[in-house]
Amino acid sequence: MTKAQDKLKMHVFRCAQDVSKNDPRIDHHMHKILNVMDGQRSLASIAFLSGMSMSDFQKAVKSLIELELIMPVETAEVLTE
């Protein structure tokens, strides 16, 4: 595993805004991720909980970031919540 992959594995993300279940921009893979994203779990644990292939998971996370629907949580936020 490269340093970049290892660093991303430990990133924690949270929803940047409320997302409607009927939002046409969100596919079923993105919904799976949003349903388990709580601002405390790492991307690695969310990938495991989602049950998706790594390829599908990575594409969905990338789309969620590009749509600005999720954002990284600062380390201090994770430790204090």
PDB file of N, CA and C in Angstrom:
ATOM      1  N   MET A   1       0.849  -1.172   0.000  1.00  0.00           N
ATOM      2  CA  MET A   1       0.000   0.000   0.000  1.00  0.00           C
ATOM      3  C   MET A   1       0.897   1.238   0.000  1.00  0.00           C
ATOM      4  N   THR A   2       0.591   2.201  -0.869  1.00  0.00           N
ATOM      5  CA  THR A   2       1.384   3.426  -0.921  1.00  0.00           C
ATOM      6  C   THR A   2       1.026   4.334   0.248  1.00  0.00           C
ATOM      7  N   LYS A   3       1.868   5.318   0.499  1.00  0.00           N
ATOM      8  CA  LYS A   3       1.585   6.266   1.579  1.00  0.00           C
ATOM      9  C   LYS A   3       0.274   7.004   1.326  1.00  0.00           C
ATOM     10  N   ALA A   4       0.017   7.357   0.071  1.00  0.00           N
ATOM     11  CA  ALA A   4      -1.218   8.066  -0.265  1.00  0.00           C
ATOM     12  C   ALA A   4      -2.439   7.198   0.040  1.00  0.00           C
ATOM     13  N   GLN A   5      -2.389   5.910  -0.316  1.00  0.00           N
ATOM     14  CA  GLN A   5      -3.503   5.006  -0.037  1.00  0.00           C
ATOM     15  C   GLN A   5      -3.686   4.828   1.457  1.00  0.00           C
ATOM     16  N   ASP A   6      -2.589   4.702   2.185  1.00  0.00           N
ATOM     17  CA  ASP A   6      -2.661   4.529   3.630  1.00  0.00           C
ATOM     18  C   ASP A   6      -3.256   5.767   4.292  1.00  0.00           C
ATOM     19  N   LYS A   7      -2.865   6.940   3.825  1.00  0.00           N
ATOM     20  CA  LYS A   7      -3.382   8.190   4.387  1.00  0.00           C
ATOM     21  C   LYS A   7      -4.879   8.312   4.111  1.00  0.00           C
ATOM     22  N   LEU A   8      -5.316   8.005   2.893  1.00  0.00           N
ATOM     23  CA  LEU A   8      -6.730   8.096   2.547  1.00  0.00           C
ATOM     24  C   LEU A   8      -7.550   7.106   3.352  1.00  0.00           C
ATOM     25  N   LYS A   9      -6.980   5.941   3.607  1.00  0.00           N
ATOM     26  CA  LYS A   9      -7.676   4.908   4.368  1.00  0.00           C
ATOM     27  C   LYS A   9      -8.110   5.424   5.738  1.00  0.00           C
ATOM     28  N   MET A  10      -7.313   6.296   6.332  1.00  0.00           N
ATOM     29  CA  MET A  10      -7.599   6.788   7.663  1.00  0.00           C
ATOM     30  C   MET A  10      -8.449   8.059   7.669  1.00  0.00           C
ATOM     31  N   HIS A  11      -8.737   8.629   6.506  1.00  0.00           N
ATOM     32  CA  HIS A  11      -9.544   9.841   6.463  1.00  0.00           C
ATOM     33  C   HIS A  11     -10.962   9.576   6.945  1.00  0.00           C
ATOM     34  N   VAL A  12     -11.476  10.548   7.639  1.00  0.00           N
ATOM     35  CA  VAL A  12     -12.850  10.508   8.098  1.00  0.00           C
ATOM     36  C   VAL A  12     -13.595  11.619   7.364  1.00  0.00           C
ATOM     37  N   PHE A  13     -14.750  11.295   6.842  1.00  0.00           N
ATOM     38  CA  PHE A  13     -15.567  12.277   6.136  1.00  0.00           C
ATOM     39  C   PHE A  13     -16.921  12.399   6.822  1.00  0.00           C
ATOM     40  N   ARG A  14     -17.572  13.516   6.569  1.00  0.00           N
ATOM     41  CA  ARG A  14     -18.927  13.727   7.063  1.00  0.00           C
ATOM     42  C   ARG A  14     -19.743  14.337   5.938  1.00  0.00           C
ATOM     43  N   CYS A  15     -21.045  14.267   6.082  1.00  0.00           N
ATOM     44  CA  CYS A  15     -21.924  14.885   5.098  1.00  0.00           C
ATOM     45  C   CYS A  15     -21.792  16.398   5.220  1.00  0.00           C
ATOM     46  N   ALA A  16     -21.659  17.057   4.090  1.00  0.00           N
ATOM     47  CA  ALA A  16     -21.516  18.508   4.088  1.00  0.00           C
ATOM     48  C   ALA A  16     -22.880  19.193   4.129  1.00  0.00           C
ATOM     49  N   GLN A  17     -23.906  18.457   3.776  1.00  0.00           N
ATOM     50  CA  GLN A  17     -25.257  19.003   3.743  1.00  0.00           C
ATOM     51  C   GLN A  17     -26.256  17.854   3.753  1.00  0.00           C
ATOM     52  N   ASP A  18     -27.499  18.188   4.044  1.00  0.00           N
ATOM     53  CA  ASP A  18     -28.537  17.164   3.979  1.00  0.00           C
ATOM     54  C   ASP A  18     -28.790  16.806   2.524  1.00  0.00           C
ATOM     55  N   VAL A  19     -28.936  15.528   2.274  1.00  0.00           N
ATOM     56  CA  VAL A  19     -29.164  15.047   0.917  1.00  0.00           C
ATOM     57  C   VAL A  19     -30.499  14.330   0.883  1.00  0.00           C
ATOM     58  N   SER A  20     -31.354  14.759  -0.007  1.00  0.00           N
ATOM     59  CA  SER A  20     -32.656  14.119  -0.170  1.00  0.00           C
ATOM     60  C   SER A  20     -32.488  12.733  -0.771  1.00  0.00           C
ATOM     61  N   LYS A  21     -33.294  11.806  -0.315  1.00  0.00           N
ATOM     62  CA  LYS A  21     -33.240  10.446  -0.874  1.00  0.00           C
ATOM     63  C   LYS A  21     -33.647  10.440  -2.345  1.00  0.00           C
ATOM     64  N   ASN A  22     -34.339  11.474  -2.780  1.00  0.00           N
ATOM     65  CA  ASN A  22     -34.790  11.560  -4.171  1.00  0.00           C
ATOM     66  C   ASN A  22     -33.878  12.419  -5.037  1.00  0.00           C
ATOM     67  N   ASP A  23     -32.730  12.821  -4.515  1.00  0.00           N
ATOM     68  CA  ASP A  23     -31.797  13.649  -5.273  1.00  0.00           C
ATOM     69  C   ASP A  23     -31.330  12.869  -6.500  1.00  0.00           C
ATOM     70  N   PRO A  24     -31.589  13.386  -7.704  1.00  0.00           N
ATOM     71  CA  PRO A  24     -31.239  12.648  -8.920  1.00  0.00           C
ATOM     72  C   PRO A  24     -29.738  12.489  -9.143  1.00  0.00           C
ATOM     73  N   ARG A  25     -28.911  13.255  -8.431  1.00  0.00           N
ATOM     74  CA  ARG A  25     -27.457  13.150  -8.590  1.00  0.00           C
ATOM     75  C   ARG A  25     -26.885  11.951  -7.850  1.00  0.00           C
ATOM     76  N   ILE A  26     -27.672  11.366  -6.957  1.00  0.00           N
ATOM     77  CA  ILE A  26     -27.182  10.308  -6.075  1.00  0.00           C
ATOM     78  C   ILE A  26     -27.623   8.943  -6.588  1.00  0.00           C
ATOM     79  N   ASP A  27     -26.642   8.061  -6.837  1.00  0.00           N
ATOM     80  CA  ASP A  27     -26.981   6.697  -7.245  1.00  0.00           C
ATOM     81  C   ASP A  27     -27.012   5.781  -6.019  1.00  0.00           C
ATOM     82  N   HIS A  28     -27.327   4.510  -6.223  1.00  0.00           N
ATOM     83  CA  HIS A  28     -27.485   3.596  -5.091  1.00  0.00           C
ATOM     84  C   HIS A  28     -26.171   3.369  -4.334  1.00  0.00           C
ATOM     85  N   HIS A  29     -25.035   3.427  -5.017  1.00  0.00           N
ATOM     86  CA  HIS A  29     -23.755   3.285  -4.326  1.00  0.00           C
ATOM     87  C   HIS A  29     -23.512   4.478  -3.400  1.00  0.00           C
ATOM     88  N   MET A  30     -23.824   5.658  -3.881  1.00  0.00           N
ATOM     89  CA  MET A  30     -23.646   6.860  -3.062  1.00  0.00           C
ATOM     90  C   MET A  30     -24.569   6.827  -1.848  1.00  0.00           C
ATOM     91  N   HIS A  31     -25.787   6.344  -2.034  1.00  0.00           N
ATOM     92  CA  HIS A  31     -26.721   6.209  -0.908  1.00  0.00           C
ATOM     93  C   HIS A  31     -26.172   5.261   0.149  1.00  0.00           C
ATOM     94  N   LYS A  32     -25.596   4.148  -0.285  1.00  0.00           N
ATOM     95  CA  LYS A  32     -25.015   3.191   0.673  1.00  0.00           C
ATOM     96  C   LYS A  32     -23.967   3.865   1.548  1.00  0.00           C
ATOM     97  N   ILE A  33     -23.133   4.683   0.924  1.00  0.00           N
ATOM     98  CA  ILE A  33     -22.076   5.382   1.661  1.00  0.00           C
ATOM     99  C   ILE A  33     -22.678   6.406   2.610  1.00  0.00           C
ATOM    100  N   LEU A  34     -23.593   7.203   2.114  1.00  0.00           N
ATOM    101  CA  LEU A  34     -24.194   8.247   2.950  1.00  0.00           C
ATOM    102  C   LEU A  34     -24.942   7.653   4.143  1.00  0.00           C
ATOM    103  N   ASN A  35     -25.495   6.462   3.972  1.00  0.00           N
ATOM    104  CA  ASN A  35     -26.244   5.832   5.064  1.00  0.00           C
ATOM    105  C   ASN A  35     -25.360   5.421   6.238  1.00  0.00           C
ATOM    106  N   VAL A  36     -24.079   5.174   5.999  1.00  0.00           N
ATOM    107  CA  VAL A  36     -23.185   4.762   7.094  1.00  0.00           C
ATOM    108  C   VAL A  36     -22.163   5.828   7.473  1.00  0.00           C
ATOM    109  N   MET A  37     -22.114   6.926   6.724  1.00  0.00           N
ATOM    110  CA  MET A  37     -21.160   7.995   7.025  1.00  0.00           C
ATOM    111  C   MET A  37     -21.669   8.802   8.216  1.00  0.00           C
ATOM    112  N   ASP A  38     -20.848   8.854   9.269  1.00  0.00           N
ATOM    113  CA  ASP A  38     -21.291   9.538  10.481  1.00  0.00           C
ATOM    114  C   ASP A  38     -20.292  10.558  11.019  1.00  0.00           C
ATOM    115  N   GLY A  39     -19.225  10.811  10.280  1.00  0.00           N
ATOM    116  CA  GLY A  39     -18.229  11.765  10.741  1.00  0.00           C
ATOM    117  C   GLY A  39     -17.264  11.189  11.757  1.00  0.00           C
ATOM    118  N   GLN A  40     -17.391   9.902  12.061  1.00  0.00           N
ATOM    119  CA  GLN A  40     -16.512   9.233  13.020  1.00  0.00           C
ATOM    120  C   GLN A  40     -15.764   8.063  12.399  1.00  0.00           C
ATOM    121  N   ARG A  41     -16.372   7.419  11.418  1.00  0.00           N
ATOM    122  CA  ARG A  41     -15.772   6.236  10.796  1.00  0.00           C
ATOM    123  C   ARG A  41     -14.796   6.624   9.699  1.00  0.00           C
ATOM    124  N   SER A  42     -13.735   5.844   9.569  1.00  0.00           N
ATOM    125  CA  SER A  42     -12.769   6.056   8.488  1.00  0.00           C
ATOM    126  C   SER A  42     -13.365   5.560   7.180  1.00  0.00           C
ATOM    127  N   LEU A  43     -12.775   6.003   6.081  1.00  0.00           N
ATOM    128  CA  LEU A  43     -13.231   5.522   4.776  1.00  0.00           C
ATOM    129  C   LEU A  43     -13.076   4.010   4.665  1.00  0.00           C
ATOM    130  N   ALA A  44     -12.051   3.467   5.290  1.00  0.00           N
ATOM    131  CA  ALA A  44     -11.849   2.017   5.241  1.00  0.00           C
ATOM    132  C   ALA A  44     -13.019   1.282   5.898  1.00  0.00           C
ATOM    133  N   SER A  45     -13.471   1.762   7.047  1.00  0.00           N
ATOM    134  CA  SER A  45     -14.584   1.086   7.711  1.00  0.00           C
ATOM    135  C   SER A  45     -15.889   1.304   6.962  1.00  0.00           C
ATOM    136  N   ILE A  46     -16.057   2.468   6.342  1.00  0.00           N
ATOM    137  CA  ILE A  46     -17.263   2.719   5.546  1.00  0.00           C
ATOM    138  C   ILE A  46     -17.280   1.813   4.324  1.00  0.00           C
ATOM    139  N   ALA A  47     -16.115   1.624   3.699  1.00  0.00           N
ATOM    140  CA  ALA A  47     -16.031   0.720   2.545  1.00  0.00           C
ATOM    141  C   ALA A  47     -16.451  -0.691   2.944  1.00  0.00           C
ATOM    142  N   PHE A  48     -15.980  -1.145   4.100  1.00  0.00           N
ATOM    143  CA  PHE A  48     -16.328  -2.480   4.590  1.00  0.00           C
ATOM    144  C   PHE A  48     -17.831  -2.577   4.865  1.00  0.00           C
ATOM    145  N   LEU A  49     -18.379  -1.584   5.561  1.00  0.00           N
ATOM    146  CA  LEU A  49     -19.798  -1.605   5.908  1.00  0.00           C
ATOM    147  C   LEU A  49     -20.714  -1.504   4.692  1.00  0.00           C
ATOM    148  N   SER A  50     -20.253  -0.821   3.657  1.00  0.00           N
ATOM    149  CA  SER A  50     -21.089  -0.641   2.469  1.00  0.00           C
ATOM    150  C   SER A  50     -21.243  -1.933   1.682  1.00  0.00           C
ATOM    151  N   GLY A  51     -20.256  -2.833   1.804  1.00  0.00           N
ATOM    152  CA  GLY A  51     -20.315  -4.099   1.080  1.00  0.00           C
ATOM    153  C   GLY A  51     -20.061  -3.962  -0.411  1.00  0.00           C
ATOM    154  N   MET A  52     -19.564  -2.829  -0.845  1.00  0.00           N
ATOM    155  CA  MET A  52     -19.326  -2.585  -2.267  1.00  0.00           C
ATOM    156  C   MET A  52     -17.919  -3.017  -2.667  1.00  0.00           C
ATOM    157  N   SER A  53     -17.727  -3.203  -3.963  1.00  0.00           N
ATOM    158  CA  SER A  53     -16.370  -3.458  -4.463  1.00  0.00           C
ATOM    159  C   SER A  53     -15.561  -2.182  -4.267  1.00  0.00           C
ATOM    160  N   MET A  54     -14.254  -2.314  -4.186  1.00  0.00           N
ATOM    161  CA  MET A  54     -13.410  -1.145  -3.977  1.00  0.00           C
ATOM    162  C   MET A  54     -13.542  -0.159  -5.130  1.00  0.00           C
ATOM    163  N   SER A  55     -13.663  -0.669  -6.341  1.00  0.00           N
ATOM    164  CA  SER A  55     -13.802   0.196  -7.505  1.00  0.00           C
ATOM    165  C   SER A  55     -15.082   1.034  -7.417  1.00  0.00           C
ATOM    166  N   ASP A  56     -16.200   0.379  -7.113  1.00  0.00           N
ATOM    167  CA  ASP A  56     -17.471   1.097  -6.993  1.00  0.00           C
ATOM    168  C   ASP A  56     -17.424   2.089  -5.833  1.00  0.00           C
ATOM    169  N   PHE A  57     -16.803   1.685  -4.737  1.00  0.00           N
ATOM    170  CA  PHE A  57     -16.699   2.558  -3.575  1.00  0.00           C
ATOM    171  C   PHE A  57     -15.889   3.809  -3.918  1.00  0.00           C
ATOM    172  N   GLN A  58     -14.754   3.628  -4.556  1.00  0.00           N
ATOM    173  CA  GLN A  58     -13.901   4.765  -4.898  1.00  0.00           C
ATOM    174  C   GLN A  58     -14.597   5.723  -5.857  1.00  0.00           C
ATOM    175  N   LYS A  59     -15.302   5.185  -6.844  1.00  0.00           N
ATOM    176  CA  LYS A  59     -16.040   6.035  -7.784  1.00  0.00           C
ATOM    177  C   LYS A  59     -17.129   6.821  -7.064  1.00  0.00           C
ATOM    178  N   ALA A  60     -17.838   6.174  -6.165  1.00  0.00           N
ATOM    179  CA  ALA A  60     -18.918   6.841  -5.436  1.00  0.00           C
ATOM    180  C   ALA A  60     -18.388   7.931  -4.515  1.00  0.00           C
ATOM    181  N   VAL A  61     -17.297   7.647  -3.810  1.00  0.00           N
ATOM    182  CA  VAL A  61     -16.695   8.662  -2.921  1.00  0.00           C
ATOM    183  C   VAL A  61     -16.210   9.845  -3.748  1.00  0.00           C
ATOM    184  N   LYS A  62     -15.567   9.570  -4.864  1.00  0.00           N
ATOM    185  CA  LYS A  62     -15.088  10.651  -5.731  1.00  0.00           C
ATOM    186  C   LYS A  62     -16.258  11.527  -6.186  1.00  0.00           C
ATOM    187  N   SER A  63     -17.347  10.912  -6.581  1.00  0.00           N
ATOM    188  CA  SER A  63     -18.521  11.676  -7.016  1.00  0.00           C
ATOM    189  C   SER A  63     -19.101  12.508  -5.878  1.00  0.00           C
ATOM    190  N   LEU A  64     -19.176  11.922  -4.686  1.00  0.00           N
ATOM    191  CA  LEU A  64     -19.697  12.656  -3.532  1.00  0.00           C
ATOM    192  C   LEU A  64     -18.826  13.862  -3.193  1.00  0.00           C
ATOM    193  N   ILE A  65     -17.518  13.707  -3.325  1.00  0.00           N
ATOM    194  CA  ILE A  65     -16.600  14.825  -3.076  1.00  0.00           C
ATOM    195  C   ILE A  65     -16.779  15.896  -4.146  1.00  0.00           C
ATOM    196  N   GLU A  66     -16.838  15.477  -5.399  1.00  0.00           N
ATOM    197  CA  GLU A  66     -16.996  16.430  -6.500  1.00  0.00           C
ATOM    198  C   GLU A  66     -18.309  17.204  -6.393  1.00  0.00           C
ATOM    199  N   LEU A  67     -19.363  16.550  -5.914  1.00  0.00           N
ATOM    200  CA  LEU A  67     -20.658  17.208  -5.733  1.00  0.00           C
ATOM    201  C   LEU A  67     -20.705  18.044  -4.449  1.00  0.00           C
ATOM    202  N   GLU A  68     -19.604  17.997  -3.697  1.00  0.00           N
ATOM    203  CA  GLU A  68     -19.488  18.708  -2.424  1.00  0.00           C
ATOM    204  C   GLU A  68     -20.556  18.279  -1.418  1.00  0.00           C
ATOM    205  N   LEU A  69     -20.877  16.985  -1.451  1.00  0.00           N
ATOM    206  CA  LEU A  69     -21.863  16.432  -0.524  1.00  0.00           C
ATOM    207  C   LEU A  69     -21.208  15.836   0.710  1.00  0.00           C
ATOM    208  N   ILE A  70     -19.905  15.542   0.607  1.00  0.00           N
ATOM    209  CA  ILE A  70     -19.157  15.082   1.774  1.00  0.00           C
ATOM    210  C   ILE A  70     -17.874  15.890   1.860  1.00  0.00           C
ATOM    211  N   MET A  71     -17.346  15.983   3.070  1.00  0.00           N
ATOM    212  CA  MET A  71     -16.099  16.720   3.271  1.00  0.00           C
ATOM    213  C   MET A  71     -15.288  16.059   4.364  1.00  0.00           C
ATOM    214  N   PRO A  72     -13.957  16.217   4.299  1.00  0.00           N
ATOM    215  CA  PRO A  72     -13.117  15.596   5.326  1.00  0.00           C
ATOM    216  C   PRO A  72     -13.328  16.267   6.678  1.00  0.00           C
ATOM    217  N   VAL A  73     -13.156  15.479   7.717  1.00  0.00           N
ATOM    218  CA  VAL A  73     -13.250  15.965   9.083  1.00  0.00           C
ATOM    219  C   VAL A  73     -11.826  16.164   9.587  1.00  0.00           C
ATOM    220  N   GLU A  74     -11.580  17.276  10.237  1.00  0.00           N
ATOM    221  CA  GLU A  74     -10.264  17.513  10.819  1.00  0.00           C
ATOM    222  C   GLU A  74     -10.035  16.530  11.958  1.00  0.00           C
ATOM    223  N   THR A  75      -8.817  16.118  12.161  1.00  0.00           N
ATOM    224  CA  THR A  75      -8.482  15.150  13.210  1.00  0.00           C
ATOM    225  C   THR A  75      -8.998  15.591  14.570  1.00  0.00           C
ATOM    226  N   ALA A  76      -8.859  16.861  14.899  1.00  0.00           N
ATOM    227  CA  ALA A  76      -9.308  17.380  16.193  1.00  0.00           C
ATOM    228  C   ALA A  76     -10.811  17.188  16.378  1.00  0.00           C
ATOM    229  N   GLU A  77     -11.590  17.344  15.300  1.00  0.00           N
ATOM    230  CA  GLU A  77     -13.038  17.160  15.376  1.00  0.00           C
ATOM    231  C   GLU A  77     -13.385  15.714  15.734  1.00  0.00           C
ATOM    232  N   VAL A  78     -12.691  14.768  15.153  1.00  0.00           N
ATOM    233  CA  VAL A  78     -12.950  13.356  15.394  1.00  0.00           C
ATOM    234  C   VAL A  78     -12.628  13.016  16.846  1.00  0.00           C
ATOM    235  N   LEU A  79     -11.542  13.545  17.338  1.00  0.00           N
ATOM    236  CA  LEU A  79     -11.112  13.237  18.693  1.00  0.00           C
ATOM    237  C   LEU A  79     -12.005  13.855  19.766  1.00  0.00           C
ATOM    238  N   THR A  80     -12.643  14.985  19.462  1.00  0.00           N
ATOM    239  CA  THR A  80     -13.439  15.672  20.470  1.00  0.00           C
ATOM    240  C   THR A  80     -14.915  15.316  20.445  1.00  0.00           C
ATOM    241  N   GLU A  81     -15.382  14.706  19.380  1.00  0.00           N
ATOM    242  CA  GLU A  81     -16.819  14.392  19.283  1.00  0.00           C
ATOM    243  C   GLU A  81     -17.151  13.124  20.038  1.00  0.00           C
TER     244      GLU A  81
END
